[in-house]
Amino acid sequence: MLVIEAFLAWALSTEPAPLGIAVLLLSIPLVFLVGALLALRQRIREIKGGEIDDYRND
């Protein structure tokens, strides 16, 4: 994901695009990256809190 972001930044720096288009193209992958990191953080908290043990049928 970061490679795509870096490639977009490079491409936009070599061939200037309107500012709105550049911001839009650079922000779309960042939204997915932030969402994935937030989901990962939430999952790690669930594992540390032992929530997975609450759902076992033992």
PDB file of N, CA and C in Angstrom:
ATOM      1  N   MET A   1       0.833  -1.183   0.000  1.00  0.00           N
ATOM      2  CA  MET A   1       0.000   0.000   0.000  1.00  0.00           C
ATOM      3  C   MET A   1       0.885   1.256   0.000  1.00  0.00           C
ATOM      4  N   LEU A   2       1.938   1.225   0.789  1.00  0.00           N
ATOM      5  CA  LEU A   2       2.834   2.376   0.819  1.00  0.00           C
ATOM      6  C   LEU A   2       3.580   2.544  -0.495  1.00  0.00           C
ATOM      7  N   VAL A   3       3.838   1.435  -1.182  1.00  0.00           N
ATOM      8  CA  VAL A   3       4.502   1.508  -2.485  1.00  0.00           C
ATOM      9  C   VAL A   3       3.593   2.213  -3.487  1.00  0.00           C
ATOM     10  N   ILE A   4       2.321   1.885  -3.457  1.00  0.00           N
ATOM     11  CA  ILE A   4       1.358   2.546  -4.350  1.00  0.00           C
ATOM     12  C   ILE A   4       1.300   4.035  -4.040  1.00  0.00           C
ATOM     13  N   GLU A   5       1.276   4.365  -2.759  1.00  0.00           N
ATOM     14  CA  GLU A   5       1.241   5.774  -2.350  1.00  0.00           C
ATOM     15  C   GLU A   5       2.479   6.515  -2.832  1.00  0.00           C
ATOM     16  N   ALA A   6       3.641   5.890  -2.691  1.00  0.00           N
ATOM     17  CA  ALA A   6       4.885   6.517  -3.144  1.00  0.00           C
ATOM     18  C   ALA A   6       4.895   6.668  -4.665  1.00  0.00           C
ATOM     19  N   PHE A   7       4.393   5.656  -5.378  1.00  0.00           N
ATOM     20  CA  PHE A   7       4.336   5.738  -6.830  1.00  0.00           C
ATOM     21  C   PHE A   7       3.399   6.862  -7.276  1.00  0.00           C
ATOM     22  N   LEU A   8       2.256   6.998  -6.629  1.00  0.00           N
ATOM     23  CA  LEU A   8       1.334   8.082  -6.975  1.00  0.00           C
ATOM     24  C   LEU A   8       1.964   9.448  -6.720  1.00  0.00           C
ATOM     25  N   ALA A   9       2.659   9.583  -5.602  1.00  0.00           N
ATOM     26  CA  ALA A   9       3.321  10.851  -5.292  1.00  0.00           C
ATOM     27  C   ALA A   9       4.389  11.173  -6.339  1.00  0.00           C
ATOM     28  N   TRP A  10       5.163  10.161  -6.734  1.00  0.00           N
ATOM     29  CA  TRP A  10       6.177  10.368  -7.763  1.00  0.00           C
ATOM     30  C   TRP A  10       5.541  10.740  -9.095  1.00  0.00           C
ATOM     31  N   ALA A  11       4.496  10.022  -9.477  1.00  0.00           N
ATOM     32  CA  ALA A  11       3.848  10.284 -10.757  1.00  0.00           C
ATOM     33  C   ALA A  11       3.251  11.690 -10.798  1.00  0.00           C
ATOM     34  N   LEU A  12       2.665  12.104  -9.686  1.00  0.00           N
ATOM     35  CA  LEU A  12       2.067  13.438  -9.647  1.00  0.00           C
ATOM     36  C   LEU A  12       3.130  14.536  -9.604  1.00  0.00           C
ATOM     37  N   SER A  13       4.318  14.211  -9.120  1.00  0.00           N
ATOM     38  CA  SER A  13       5.374  15.226  -9.086  1.00  0.00           C
ATOM     39  C   SER A  13       6.041  15.379 -10.455  1.00  0.00           C
ATOM     40  N   THR A  14       6.052  14.320 -11.258  1.00  0.00           N
ATOM     41  CA  THR A  14       6.681  14.423 -12.575  1.00  0.00           C
ATOM     42  C   THR A  14       5.755  15.065 -13.597  1.00  0.00           C
ATOM     43  N   GLU A  15       4.481  14.784 -13.512  1.00  0.00           N
ATOM     44  CA  GLU A  15       3.490  15.361 -14.424  1.00  0.00           C
ATOM     45  C   GLU A  15       2.443  16.062 -13.563  1.00  0.00           C
ATOM     46  N   PRO A  16       2.576  17.369 -13.375  1.00  0.00           N
ATOM     47  CA  PRO A  16       1.672  18.075 -12.458  1.00  0.00           C
ATOM     48  C   PRO A  16       0.202  17.916 -12.845  1.00  0.00           C
ATOM     49  N   ALA A  17      -0.597  17.656 -11.836  1.00  0.00           N
ATOM     50  CA  ALA A  17      -2.044  17.532 -12.013  1.00  0.00           C
ATOM     51  C   ALA A  17      -2.700  18.636 -11.184  1.00  0.00           C
ATOM     52  N   PRO A  18      -3.961  18.925 -11.438  1.00  0.00           N
ATOM     53  CA  PRO A  18      -4.651  19.896 -10.586  1.00  0.00           C
ATOM     54  C   PRO A  18      -4.607  19.446  -9.123  1.00  0.00           C
ATOM     55  N   LEU A  19      -4.534  20.393  -8.215  1.00  0.00           N
ATOM     56  CA  LEU A  19      -4.358  20.087  -6.801  1.00  0.00           C
ATOM     57  C   LEU A  19      -5.460  19.184  -6.270  1.00  0.00           C
ATOM     58  N   GLY A  20      -6.687  19.427  -6.649  1.00  0.00           N
ATOM     59  CA  GLY A  20      -7.798  18.594  -6.157  1.00  0.00           C
ATOM     60  C   GLY A  20      -7.658  17.145  -6.573  1.00  0.00           C
ATOM     61  N   ILE A  21      -7.267  16.915  -7.811  1.00  0.00           N
ATOM     62  CA  ILE A  21      -7.072  15.548  -8.314  1.00  0.00           C
ATOM     63  C   ILE A  21      -5.914  14.883  -7.574  1.00  0.00           C
ATOM     64  N   ALA A  22      -4.826  15.610  -7.372  1.00  0.00           N
ATOM     65  CA  ALA A  22      -3.663  15.061  -6.678  1.00  0.00           C
ATOM     66  C   ALA A  22      -4.017  14.669  -5.249  1.00  0.00           C
ATOM     67  N   VAL A  23      -4.727  15.525  -4.543  1.00  0.00           N
ATOM     68  CA  VAL A  23      -5.118  15.233  -3.160  1.00  0.00           C
ATOM     69  C   VAL A  23      -6.041  14.020  -3.124  1.00  0.00           C
ATOM     70  N   LEU A  24      -6.979  13.954  -4.046  1.00  0.00           N
ATOM     71  CA  LEU A  24      -7.906  12.825  -4.097  1.00  0.00           C
ATOM     72  C   LEU A  24      -7.170  11.516  -4.356  1.00  0.00           C
ATOM     73  N   LEU A  25      -6.272  11.518  -5.335  1.00  0.00           N
ATOM     74  CA  LEU A  25      -5.544  10.299  -5.666  1.00  0.00           C
ATOM     75  C   LEU A  25      -4.629   9.844  -4.529  1.00  0.00           C
ATOM     76  N   LEU A  26      -4.057  10.772  -3.809  1.00  0.00           N
ATOM     77  CA  LEU A  26      -3.166  10.406  -2.700  1.00  0.00           C
ATOM     78  C   LEU A  26      -3.926  10.027  -1.440  1.00  0.00           C
ATOM     79  N   SER A  27      -5.154  10.517  -1.278  1.00  0.00           N
ATOM     80  CA  SER A  27      -5.880  10.251  -0.044  1.00  0.00           C
ATOM     81  C   SER A  27      -6.634   8.924  -0.062  1.00  0.00           C
ATOM     82  N   ILE A  28      -7.016   8.441  -1.236  1.00  0.00           N
ATOM     83  CA  ILE A  28      -7.787   7.196  -1.292  1.00  0.00           C
ATOM     84  C   ILE A  28      -7.011   6.014  -0.690  1.00  0.00           C
ATOM     85  N   PRO A  29      -5.772   5.753  -1.080  1.00  0.00           N
ATOM     86  CA  PRO A  29      -5.051   4.638  -0.445  1.00  0.00           C
ATOM     87  C   PRO A  29      -4.805   4.872   1.047  1.00  0.00           C
ATOM     88  N   LEU A  30      -4.620   6.117   1.446  1.00  0.00           N
ATOM     89  CA  LEU A  30      -4.387   6.397   2.867  1.00  0.00           C
ATOM     90  C   LEU A  30      -5.602   6.056   3.717  1.00  0.00           C
ATOM     91  N   VAL A  31      -6.797   6.259   3.178  1.00  0.00           N
ATOM     92  CA  VAL A  31      -8.017   5.919   3.916  1.00  0.00           C
ATOM     93  C   VAL A  31      -8.053   4.418   4.192  1.00  0.00           C
ATOM     94  N   PHE A  32      -7.730   3.611   3.191  1.00  0.00           N
ATOM     95  CA  PHE A  32      -7.715   2.164   3.393  1.00  0.00           C
ATOM     96  C   PHE A  32      -6.618   1.745   4.359  1.00  0.00           C
ATOM     97  N   LEU A  33      -5.467   2.386   4.278  1.00  0.00           N
ATOM     98  CA  LEU A  33      -4.357   2.064   5.171  1.00  0.00           C
ATOM     99  C   LEU A  33      -4.710   2.379   6.624  1.00  0.00           C
ATOM    100  N   VAL A  34      -5.286   3.535   6.857  1.00  0.00           N
ATOM    101  CA  VAL A  34      -5.682   3.914   8.219  1.00  0.00           C
ATOM    102  C   VAL A  34      -6.754   2.960   8.738  1.00  0.00           C
ATOM    103  N   GLY A  35      -7.717   2.597   7.905  1.00  0.00           N
ATOM    104  CA  GLY A  35      -8.761   1.660   8.318  1.00  0.00           C
ATOM    105  C   GLY A  35      -8.199   0.303   8.697  1.00  0.00           C
ATOM    106  N   ALA A  36      -7.251  -0.184   7.912  1.00  0.00           N
ATOM    107  CA  ALA A  36      -6.630  -1.476   8.213  1.00  0.00           C
ATOM    108  C   ALA A  36      -5.847  -1.420   9.515  1.00  0.00           C
ATOM    109  N   LEU A  37      -5.135  -0.334   9.741  1.00  0.00           N
ATOM    110  CA  LEU A  37      -4.367  -0.205  10.990  1.00  0.00           C
ATOM    111  C   LEU A  37      -5.284  -0.103  12.202  1.00  0.00           C
ATOM    112  N   LEU A  38      -6.405   0.593  12.063  1.00  0.00           N
ATOM    113  CA  LEU A  38      -7.363   0.675  13.174  1.00  0.00           C
ATOM    114  C   LEU A  38      -7.987  -0.684  13.472  1.00  0.00           C
ATOM    115  N   ALA A  39      -8.317  -1.450  12.444  1.00  0.00           N
ATOM    116  CA  ALA A  39      -8.867  -2.789  12.647  1.00  0.00           C
ATOM    117  C   ALA A  39      -7.840  -3.700  13.311  1.00  0.00           C
ATOM    118  N   LEU A  40      -6.579  -3.582  12.901  1.00  0.00           N
ATOM    119  CA  LEU A  40      -5.521  -4.379  13.519  1.00  0.00           C
ATOM    120  C   LEU A  40      -5.359  -4.028  14.991  1.00  0.00           C
ATOM    121  N   ARG A  41      -5.386  -2.744  15.296  1.00  0.00           N
ATOM    122  CA  ARG A  41      -5.265  -2.308  16.699  1.00  0.00           C
ATOM    123  C   ARG A  41      -6.421  -2.832  17.542  1.00  0.00           C
ATOM    124  N   GLN A  42      -7.627  -2.778  16.994  1.00  0.00           N
ATOM    125  CA  GLN A  42      -8.789  -3.276  17.717  1.00  0.00           C
ATOM    126  C   GLN A  42      -8.678  -4.783  17.945  1.00  0.00           C
ATOM    127  N   ARG A  43      -8.230  -5.508  16.953  1.00  0.00           N
ATOM    128  CA  ARG A  43      -8.094  -6.964  17.079  1.00  0.00           C
ATOM    129  C   ARG A  43      -7.044  -7.332  18.110  1.00  0.00           C
ATOM    130  N   ILE A  44      -5.935  -6.602  18.145  1.00  0.00           N
ATOM    131  CA  ILE A  44      -4.897  -6.879  19.147  1.00  0.00           C
ATOM    132  C   ILE A  44      -5.436  -6.623  20.546  1.00  0.00           C
ATOM    133  N   ARG A  45      -6.220  -5.571  20.722  1.00  0.00           N
ATOM    134  CA  ARG A  45      -6.828  -5.303  22.030  1.00  0.00           C
ATOM    135  C   ARG A  45      -7.789  -6.414  22.422  1.00  0.00           C
ATOM    136  N   GLU A  46      -8.554  -6.949  21.476  1.00  0.00           N
ATOM    137  CA  GLU A  46      -9.473  -8.046  21.773  1.00  0.00           C
ATOM    138  C   GLU A  46      -8.703  -9.282  22.221  1.00  0.00           C
ATOM    139  N   ILE A  47      -7.617  -9.584  21.540  1.00  0.00           N
ATOM    140  CA  ILE A  47      -6.827 -10.767  21.886  1.00  0.00           C
ATOM    141  C   ILE A  47      -6.206 -10.598  23.265  1.00  0.00           C
ATOM    142  N   LYS A  48      -5.652  -9.410  23.545  1.00  0.00           N
ATOM    143  CA  LYS A  48      -5.050  -9.172  24.863  1.00  0.00           C
ATOM    144  C   LYS A  48      -6.096  -9.185  25.973  1.00  0.00           C
ATOM    145  N   GLY A  49      -7.315  -8.743  25.658  1.00  0.00           N
ATOM    146  CA  GLY A  49      -8.378  -8.704  26.660  1.00  0.00           C
ATOM    147  C   GLY A  49      -9.033 -10.048  26.898  1.00  0.00           C
ATOM    148  N   GLY A  50      -8.715 -11.038  26.103  1.00  0.00           N
ATOM    149  CA  GLY A  50      -9.275 -12.365  26.295  1.00  0.00           C
ATOM    150  C   GLY A  50     -10.689 -12.508  25.761  1.00  0.00           C
ATOM    151  N   GLU A  51     -11.125 -11.621  24.900  1.00  0.00           N
ATOM    152  CA  GLU A  51     -12.486 -11.709  24.385  1.00  0.00           C
ATOM    153  C   GLU A  51     -12.709 -12.965  23.566  1.00  0.00           C
ATOM    154  N   ILE A  52     -11.673 -13.500  22.961  1.00  0.00           N
ATOM    155  CA  ILE A  52     -11.841 -14.705  22.156  1.00  0.00           C
ATOM    156  C   ILE A  52     -12.246 -15.891  23.036  1.00  0.00           C
ATOM    157  N   ASP A  53     -11.826 -15.897  24.284  1.00  0.00           N
ATOM    158  CA  ASP A  53     -12.181 -16.983  25.204  1.00  0.00           C
ATOM    159  C   ASP A  53     -13.658 -16.958  25.562  1.00  0.00           C
ATOM    160  N   ASP A  54     -14.296 -15.800  25.498  1.00  0.00           N
ATOM    161  CA  ASP A  54     -15.712 -15.682  25.830  1.00  0.00           C
ATOM    162  C   ASP A  54     -16.600 -16.402  24.829  1.00  0.00           C
ATOM    163  N   TYR A  55     -16.123 -16.625  23.620  1.00  0.00           N
ATOM    164  CA  TYR A  55     -16.957 -17.212  22.566  1.00  0.00           C
ATOM    165  C   TYR A  55     -16.721 -18.696  22.356  1.00  0.00           C
ATOM    166  N   ARG A  56     -15.869 -19.297  23.128  1.00  0.00           N
ATOM    167  CA  ARG A  56     -15.609 -20.731  22.986  1.00  0.00           C
ATOM    168  C   ARG A  56     -16.778 -21.529  23.553  1.00  0.00           C
ATOM    169  N   ASN A  57     -16.987 -22.698  22.991  1.00  0.00           N
ATOM    170  CA  ASN A  57     -18.088 -23.556  23.422  1.00  0.00           C
ATOM    171  C   ASN A  57     -17.624 -24.704  24.312  1.00  0.00           C
ATOM    172  N   ASP A  58     -16.512 -24.546  24.964  1.00  0.00           N
ATOM    173  CA  ASP A  58     -15.981 -25.645  25.804  1.00  0.00           C
ATOM    174  C   ASP A  58     -16.845 -25.899  26.988  1.00  0.00           C
TER     175      ASP A  58
END
